[in-house]
Structures are given as structure tokens and as C-alpha cells.
PDB file of N, CA and C in Angstrom:
ATOM      1  N   LEU A   1      60.076  98.150  78.064  1.00  0.00           N
ATOM      2  CA  LEU A   1      59.332  99.103  77.267  1.00  0.00           C
ATOM      3  C   LEU A   1      57.983  99.421  77.900  1.00  0.00           C
ATOM      4  N   ASN A   2      57.360  98.411  78.480  1.00  0.00           N
ATOM      5  CA  ASN A   2      56.079  98.659  79.151  1.00  0.00           C
ATOM      6  C   ASN A   2      56.258  99.622  80.320  1.00  0.00           C
ATOM      7  N   LEU A   3      57.341  99.440  81.075  1.00  0.00           N
ATOM      8  CA  LEU A   3      57.610 100.334  82.203  1.00  0.00           C
ATOM      9  C   LEU A   3      57.835 101.758  81.710  1.00  0.00           C
ATOM     10  N   LEU A   4      58.596 101.923  80.650  1.00  0.00           N
ATOM     11  CA  LEU A   4      58.827 103.253  80.091  1.00  0.00           C
ATOM     12  C   LEU A   4      57.512 103.892  79.656  1.00  0.00           C
ATOM     13  N   ASN A   5      56.651 103.123  79.012  1.00  0.00           N
ATOM     14  CA  ASN A   5      55.338 103.631  78.607  1.00  0.00           C
ATOM     15  C   ASN A   5      54.504 104.043  79.816  1.00  0.00           C
ATOM     16  N   ASP A   6      54.512 103.213  80.860  1.00  0.00           N
ATOM     17  CA  ASP A   6      53.755 103.531  82.076  1.00  0.00           C
ATOM     18  C   ASP A   6      54.269 104.818  82.723  1.00  0.00           C
ATOM     19  N   LEU A   7      55.580 104.958  82.820  1.00  0.00           N
ATOM     20  CA  LEU A   7      56.165 106.161  83.412  1.00  0.00           C
ATOM     21  C   LEU A   7      55.861 107.394  82.570  1.00  0.00           C
ATOM     22  N   LYS A   8      55.925 107.232  81.263  1.00  0.00           N
ATOM     23  CA  LYS A   8      55.642 108.352  80.359  1.00  0.00           C
ATOM     24  C   LYS A   8      54.216 108.860  80.577  1.00  0.00           C
ATOM     25  N   ARG A   9      53.269 107.935  80.691  1.00  0.00           N
ATOM     26  CA  ARG A   9      51.869 108.315  80.917  1.00  0.00           C
ATOM     27  C   ARG A   9      51.670 108.924  82.308  1.00  0.00           C
ATOM     28  N   ALA A  10      52.278 108.314  83.320  1.00  0.00           N
ATOM     29  CA  ALA A  10      52.071 108.760  84.699  1.00  0.00           C
ATOM     30  C   ALA A  10      52.668 110.139  84.966  1.00  0.00           C
ATOM     31  N   PHE A  11      53.826 110.412  84.382  1.00  0.00           N
ATOM     32  CA  PHE A  11      54.529 111.655  84.693  1.00  0.00           C
ATOM     33  C   PHE A  11      54.530 112.660  83.546  1.00  0.00           C
ATOM     34  N   GLN A  12      53.858 112.327  82.457  1.00  0.00           N
ATOM     35  CA  GLN A  12      53.725 113.256  81.327  1.00  0.00           C
ATOM     36  C   GLN A  12      55.073 113.826  80.873  1.00  0.00           C
ATOM     37  N   PHE A  13      56.069 112.949  80.708  1.00  0.00           N
ATOM     38  CA  PHE A  13      57.365 113.455  80.288  1.00  0.00           C
ATOM     39  C   PHE A  13      57.647 113.120  78.831  1.00  0.00           C
ATOM     40  N   THR A  14      58.613 113.831  78.301  1.00  0.00           N
ATOM     41  CA  THR A  14      59.054 113.622  76.933  1.00  0.00           C
ATOM     42  C   THR A  14      60.442 113.015  76.970  1.00  0.00           C
ATOM     43  N   ALA A  15      60.691 112.054  76.101  1.00  0.00           N
ATOM     44  CA  ALA A  15      62.002 111.419  76.038  1.00  0.00           C
ATOM     45  C   ALA A  15      62.417 111.265  74.585  1.00  0.00           C
ATOM     46  N   LEU A  16      63.704 111.356  74.368  1.00  0.00           N
ATOM     47  CA  LEU A  16      64.256 111.090  73.052  1.00  0.00           C
ATOM     48  C   LEU A  16      64.629 109.621  73.019  1.00  0.00           C
ATOM     49  N   PHE A  17      64.012 108.875  72.125  1.00  0.00           N
ATOM     50  CA  PHE A  17      64.230 107.433  72.018  1.00  0.00           C
ATOM     51  C   PHE A  17      64.743 107.163  70.612  1.00  0.00           C
ATOM     52  N   ILE A  18      65.953 106.653  70.512  1.00  0.00           N
ATOM     53  CA  ILE A  18      66.568 106.406  69.209  1.00  0.00           C
ATOM     54  C   ILE A  18      66.664 104.904  68.996  1.00  0.00           C
ATOM     55  N   SER A  19      66.172 104.449  67.848  1.00  0.00           N
ATOM     56  CA  SER A  19      66.189 103.018  67.553  1.00  0.00           C
ATOM     57  C   SER A  19      66.113 102.799  66.051  1.00  0.00           C
ATOM     58  N   HIS A  20      66.621 101.661  65.623  1.00  0.00           N
ATOM     59  CA  HIS A  20      66.459 101.240  64.236  1.00  0.00           C
ATOM     60  C   HIS A  20      65.312 100.239  64.105  1.00  0.00           C
ATOM     61  N   ASP A  21      64.699  99.880  65.220  1.00  0.00           N
ATOM     62  CA  ASP A  21      63.591  98.921  65.210  1.00  0.00           C
ATOM     63  C   ASP A  21      62.280  99.695  65.120  1.00  0.00           C
ATOM     64  N   ILE A  22      61.731  99.790  63.918  1.00  0.00           N
ATOM     65  CA  ILE A  22      60.555 100.628  63.665  1.00  0.00           C
ATOM     66  C   ILE A  22      59.332 100.162  64.456  1.00  0.00           C
ATOM     67  N   GLU A  23      59.206  98.868  64.713  1.00  0.00           N
ATOM     68  CA  GLU A  23      58.071  98.374  65.503  1.00  0.00           C
ATOM     69  C   GLU A  23      58.167  98.858  66.950  1.00  0.00           C
ATOM     70  N   VAL A  24      59.365  98.852  67.506  1.00  0.00           N
ATOM     71  CA  VAL A  24      59.557  99.351  68.869  1.00  0.00           C
ATOM     72  C   VAL A  24      59.282 100.850  68.910  1.00  0.00           C
ATOM     73  N   VAL A  25      59.771 101.569  67.911  1.00  0.00           N
ATOM     74  CA  VAL A  25      59.536 103.014  67.839  1.00  0.00           C
ATOM     75  C   VAL A  25      58.042 103.304  67.782  1.00  0.00           C
ATOM     76  N   ARG A  26      57.328 102.561  66.981  1.00  0.00           N
ATOM     77  CA  ARG A  26      55.874 102.773  66.870  1.00  0.00           C
ATOM     78  C   ARG A  26      55.179 102.504  68.203  1.00  0.00           C
ATOM     79  N   TYR A  27      55.621 101.474  68.915  1.00  0.00           N
ATOM     80  CA  TYR A  27      55.007 101.099  70.191  1.00  0.00           C
ATOM     81  C   TYR A  27      55.249 102.158  71.268  1.00  0.00           C
ATOM     82  N   ILE A  28      56.458 102.685  71.318  1.00  0.00           N
ATOM     83  CA  ILE A  28      56.844 103.544  72.433  1.00  0.00           C
ATOM     84  C   ILE A  28      56.561 105.025  72.184  1.00  0.00           C
ATOM     85  N   SER A  29      56.333 105.403  70.934  1.00  0.00           N
ATOM     86  CA  SER A  29      56.290 106.824  70.580  1.00  0.00           C
ATOM     87  C   SER A  29      54.897 107.337  70.257  1.00  0.00           C
ATOM     88  N   ASN A  30      54.675 108.599  70.587  1.00  0.00           N
ATOM     89  CA  ASN A  30      53.490 109.315  70.121  1.00  0.00           C
ATOM     90  C   ASN A  30      53.783 109.981  68.787  1.00  0.00           C
ATOM     91  N   ARG A  31      54.986 110.555  68.682  1.00  0.00           N
ATOM     92  CA  ARG A  31      55.407 111.241  67.455  1.00  0.00           C
ATOM     93  C   ARG A  31      56.747 110.668  67.022  1.00  0.00           C
ATOM     94  N   ILE A  32      56.971 110.677  65.712  1.00  0.00           N
ATOM     95  CA  ILE A  32      58.200 110.124  65.143  1.00  0.00           C
ATOM     96  C   ILE A  32      58.832 111.160  64.217  1.00  0.00           C
ATOM     97  N   TRP A  33      60.137 111.262  64.308  1.00  0.00           N
ATOM     98  CA  TRP A  33      60.930 112.036  63.356  1.00  0.00           C
ATOM     99  C   TRP A  33      61.868 111.035  62.694  1.00  0.00           C
ATOM    100  N   VAL A  34      61.848 110.971  61.390  1.00  0.00           N
ATOM    101  CA  VAL A  34      62.709 110.056  60.640  1.00  0.00           C
ATOM    102  C   VAL A  34      63.894 110.853  60.118  1.00  0.00           C
ATOM    103  N   MET A  35      65.093 110.352  60.417  1.00  0.00           N
ATOM    104  CA  MET A  35      66.302 111.019  59.943  1.00  0.00           C
ATOM    105  C   MET A  35      66.974 110.174  58.874  1.00  0.00           C
ATOM    106  N   HIS A  36      67.509 110.870  57.880  1.00  0.00           N
ATOM    107  CA  HIS A  36      68.265 110.219  56.807  1.00  0.00           C
ATOM    108  C   HIS A  36      69.451 111.114  56.478  1.00  0.00           C
ATOM    109  N   GLN A  37      70.638 110.564  56.595  1.00  0.00           N
ATOM    110  CA  GLN A  37      71.877 111.295  56.328  1.00  0.00           C
ATOM    111  C   GLN A  37      71.957 112.602  57.120  1.00  0.00           C
ATOM    112  N   GLY A  38      71.537 112.536  58.382  1.00  0.00           N
ATOM    113  CA  GLY A  38      71.651 113.681  59.271  1.00  0.00           C
ATOM    114  C   GLY A  38      70.553 114.723  59.159  1.00  0.00           C
ATOM    115  N   ASN A  39      69.569 114.471  58.316  1.00  0.00           N
ATOM    116  CA  ASN A  39      68.468 115.417  58.135  1.00  0.00           C
ATOM    117  C   ASN A  39      67.139 114.770  58.495  1.00  0.00           C
ATOM    118  N   ILE A  40      66.243 115.554  59.094  1.00  0.00           N
ATOM    119  CA  ILE A  40      64.895 115.063  59.353  1.00  0.00           C
ATOM    120  C   ILE A  40      64.135 115.102  58.039  1.00  0.00           C
ATOM    121  N   VAL A  41      63.659 113.927  57.595  1.00  0.00           N
ATOM    122  CA  VAL A  41      62.969 113.844  56.305  1.00  0.00           C
ATOM    123  C   VAL A  41      61.469 113.642  56.456  1.00  0.00           C
ATOM    124  N   GLU A  42      61.039 113.255  57.659  1.00  0.00           N
ATOM    125  CA  GLU A  42      59.599 113.060  57.875  1.00  0.00           C
ATOM    126  C   GLU A  42      59.300 113.182  59.358  1.00  0.00           C
ATOM    127  N   GLU A  43      58.117 113.703  59.664  1.00  0.00           N
ATOM    128  CA  GLU A  43      57.697 113.887  61.051  1.00  0.00           C
ATOM    129  C   GLU A  43      56.189 113.758  61.104  1.00  0.00           C
ATOM    130  N   GLY A  44      55.700 113.126  62.173  1.00  0.00           N
ATOM    131  CA  GLY A  44      54.262 113.012  62.353  1.00  0.00           C
ATOM    132  C   GLY A  44      53.929 112.079  63.491  1.00  0.00           C
ATOM    133  N   SER A  45      52.645 111.809  63.671  1.00  0.00           N
ATOM    134  CA  SER A  45      52.243 110.851  64.696  1.00  0.00           C
ATOM    135  C   SER A  45      52.799 109.482  64.319  1.00  0.00           C
ATOM    136  N   ALA A  46      53.010 108.651  65.319  1.00  0.00           N
ATOM    137  CA  ALA A  46      53.584 107.332  65.063  1.00  0.00           C
ATOM    138  C   ALA A  46      52.742 106.556  64.060  1.00  0.00           C
ATOM    139  N   ASN A  47      51.432 106.562  64.240  1.00  0.00           N
ATOM    140  CA  ASN A  47      50.567 105.815  63.327  1.00  0.00           C
ATOM    141  C   ASN A  47      50.571 106.404  61.926  1.00  0.00           C
ATOM    142  N   ALA A  48      50.550 107.722  61.809  1.00  0.00           N
ATOM    143  CA  ALA A  48      50.536 108.354  60.482  1.00  0.00           C
ATOM    144  C   ALA A  48      51.813 108.050  59.713  1.00  0.00           C
ATOM    145  N   VAL A  49      52.951 108.163  60.376  1.00  0.00           N
ATOM    146  CA  VAL A  49      54.222 107.891  59.699  1.00  0.00           C
ATOM    147  C   VAL A  49      54.301 106.424  59.305  1.00  0.00           C
ATOM    148  N   TYR A  50      53.855 105.544  60.179  1.00  0.00           N
ATOM    149  CA  TYR A  50      53.930 104.109  59.902  1.00  0.00           C
ATOM    150  C   TYR A  50      52.941 103.694  58.807  1.00  0.00           C
ATOM    151  N   GLU A  51      51.731 104.195  58.858  1.00  0.00           N
ATOM    152  CA  GLU A  51      50.689 103.752  57.924  1.00  0.00           C
ATOM    153  C   GLU A  51      50.704 104.501  56.598  1.00  0.00           C
ATOM    154  N   HIS A  52      51.191 105.749  56.590  1.00  0.00           N
ATOM    155  CA  HIS A  52      51.183 106.557  55.360  1.00  0.00           C
ATOM    156  C   HIS A  52      52.492 107.332  55.210  1.00  0.00           C
ATOM    157  N   PRO A  53      53.614 106.632  55.092  1.00  0.00           N
ATOM    158  CA  PRO A  53      54.879 107.348  54.945  1.00  0.00           C
ATOM    159  C   PRO A  53      54.913 108.107  53.618  1.00  0.00           C
ATOM    160  N   THR A  54      55.426 109.331  53.647  1.00  0.00           N
ATOM    161  CA  THR A  54      55.455 110.140  52.431  1.00  0.00           C
ATOM    162  C   THR A  54      56.850 110.243  51.818  1.00  0.00           C
ATOM    163  N   HIS A  55      57.883 110.183  52.629  1.00  0.00           N
ATOM    164  CA  HIS A  55      59.240 110.299  52.101  1.00  0.00           C
ATOM    165  C   HIS A  55      59.721 108.924  51.615  1.00  0.00           C
ATOM    166  N   PRO A  56      60.422 108.865  50.488  1.00  0.00           N
ATOM    167  CA  PRO A  56      60.905 107.578  49.961  1.00  0.00           C
ATOM    168  C   PRO A  56      61.742 106.787  50.964  1.00  0.00           C
ATOM    169  N   TYR A  57      62.577 107.460  51.763  1.00  0.00           N
ATOM    170  CA  TYR A  57      63.389 106.740  52.741  1.00  0.00           C
ATOM    171  C   TYR A  57      62.504 106.088  53.802  1.00  0.00           C
ATOM    172  N   THR A  58      61.510 106.818  54.288  1.00  0.00           N
ATOM    173  CA  THR A  58      60.579 106.258  55.272  1.00  0.00           C
ATOM    174  C   THR A  58      59.809 105.096  54.665  1.00  0.00           C
ATOM    175  N   GLN A  59      59.404 105.220  53.430  1.00  0.00           N
ATOM    176  CA  GLN A  59      58.706 104.134  52.740  1.00  0.00           C
ATOM    177  C   GLN A  59      59.577 102.886  52.680  1.00  0.00           C
ATOM    178  N   GLN A  60      60.875 103.060  52.429  1.00  0.00           N
ATOM    179  CA  GLN A  60      61.793 101.918  52.400  1.00  0.00           C
ATOM    180  C   GLN A  60      61.925 101.290  53.781  1.00  0.00           C
ATOM    181  N   LEU A  61      62.016 102.115  54.818  1.00  0.00           N
ATOM    182  CA  LEU A  61      62.109 101.588  56.181  1.00  0.00           C
ATOM    183  C   LEU A  61      60.887 100.747  56.532  1.00  0.00           C
ATOM    184  N   ILE A  62      59.710 101.273  56.238  1.00  0.00           N
ATOM    185  CA  ILE A  62      58.471 100.567  56.562  1.00  0.00           C
ATOM    186  C   ILE A  62      58.365  99.287  55.744  1.00  0.00           C
ATOM    187  N   ALA A  63      58.745  99.340  54.480  1.00  0.00           N
ATOM    188  CA  ALA A  63      58.679  98.157  53.613  1.00  0.00           C
ATOM    189  C   ALA A  63      59.633  97.064  54.086  1.00  0.00           C
ATOM    190  N   ALA A  64      60.700  97.435  54.789  1.00  0.00           N
ATOM    191  CA  ALA A  64      61.684  96.458  55.252  1.00  0.00           C
ATOM    192  C   ALA A  64      61.239  95.712  56.508  1.00  0.00           C
ATOM    193  N   VAL A  65      60.177  96.174  57.157  1.00  0.00           N
ATOM    194  CA  VAL A  65      59.678  95.504  58.363  1.00  0.00           C
ATOM    195  C   VAL A  65      59.014  94.198  57.946  1.00  0.00           C
ATOM    196  N   PRO A  66      59.485  93.067  58.508  1.00  0.00           N
ATOM    197  CA  PRO A  66      58.861  91.780  58.152  1.00  0.00           C
ATOM    198  C   PRO A  66      57.380  91.765  58.520  1.00  0.00           C
ATOM    199  N   LYS A  67      56.578  91.200  57.660  1.00  0.00           N
ATOM    200  CA  LYS A  67      55.134  91.091  57.888  1.00  0.00           C
ATOM    201  C   LYS A  67      54.805  89.686  58.383  1.00  0.00           C
ATOM    202  N   LEU A  68      53.926  89.613  59.353  1.00  0.00           N
ATOM    203  CA  LEU A  68      53.473  88.333  59.873  1.00  0.00           C
ATOM    204  C   LEU A  68      52.379  87.801  58.964  1.00  0.00           C
ATOM    205  N   VAL A  69      52.605  86.627  58.411  1.00  0.00           N
ATOM    206  CA  VAL A  69      51.625  86.009  57.525  1.00  0.00           C
ATOM    207  C   VAL A  69      51.087  84.769  58.225  1.00  0.00           C
ATOM    208  N   LEU A  70      49.787  84.715  58.380  1.00  0.00           N
ATOM    209  CA  LEU A  70      49.162  83.563  59.051  1.00  0.00           C
ATOM    210  C   LEU A  70      48.532  82.639  58.053  1.00  0.00           C
TER     211      LEU A  70
END
């Protein structure tokens, strides 16, 4: 993933990255499109979608990410 990020920055390219791991998506992406049942239900910057999800499906996805408790 670090190599992909480095290449993305160096060559200014766009890639379609599909994953069910929301933490990986947040790390690798500038923008996120959330799909549910074949439809795009939310779109925005990675941080905005992760920190302030507006669609109920996106809210459920974010809520399902385990939180690190110290």
C-alpha cells in the first residue's frame, strides 16, 4: 500500500481501488464513493466520508470498524 501511495503521488495517476476494509480505503484514497446494492449512496473526501458519514449505510460501515481502546 505504501508503494501504491508513493506511485500515486509521483505520477499523479488515478486508480479504482475496491475494498471492504474501510481503514485501508481511507489510507489509500483521496476520495471515496460508497456503493450499496449497486448504487452510489455517498461520495466525498476520504476524511469527510469517514468522519461525517451522511448516508445510513455508510454510517453502519463506519460503526462496524473496530475501535482501538487503550
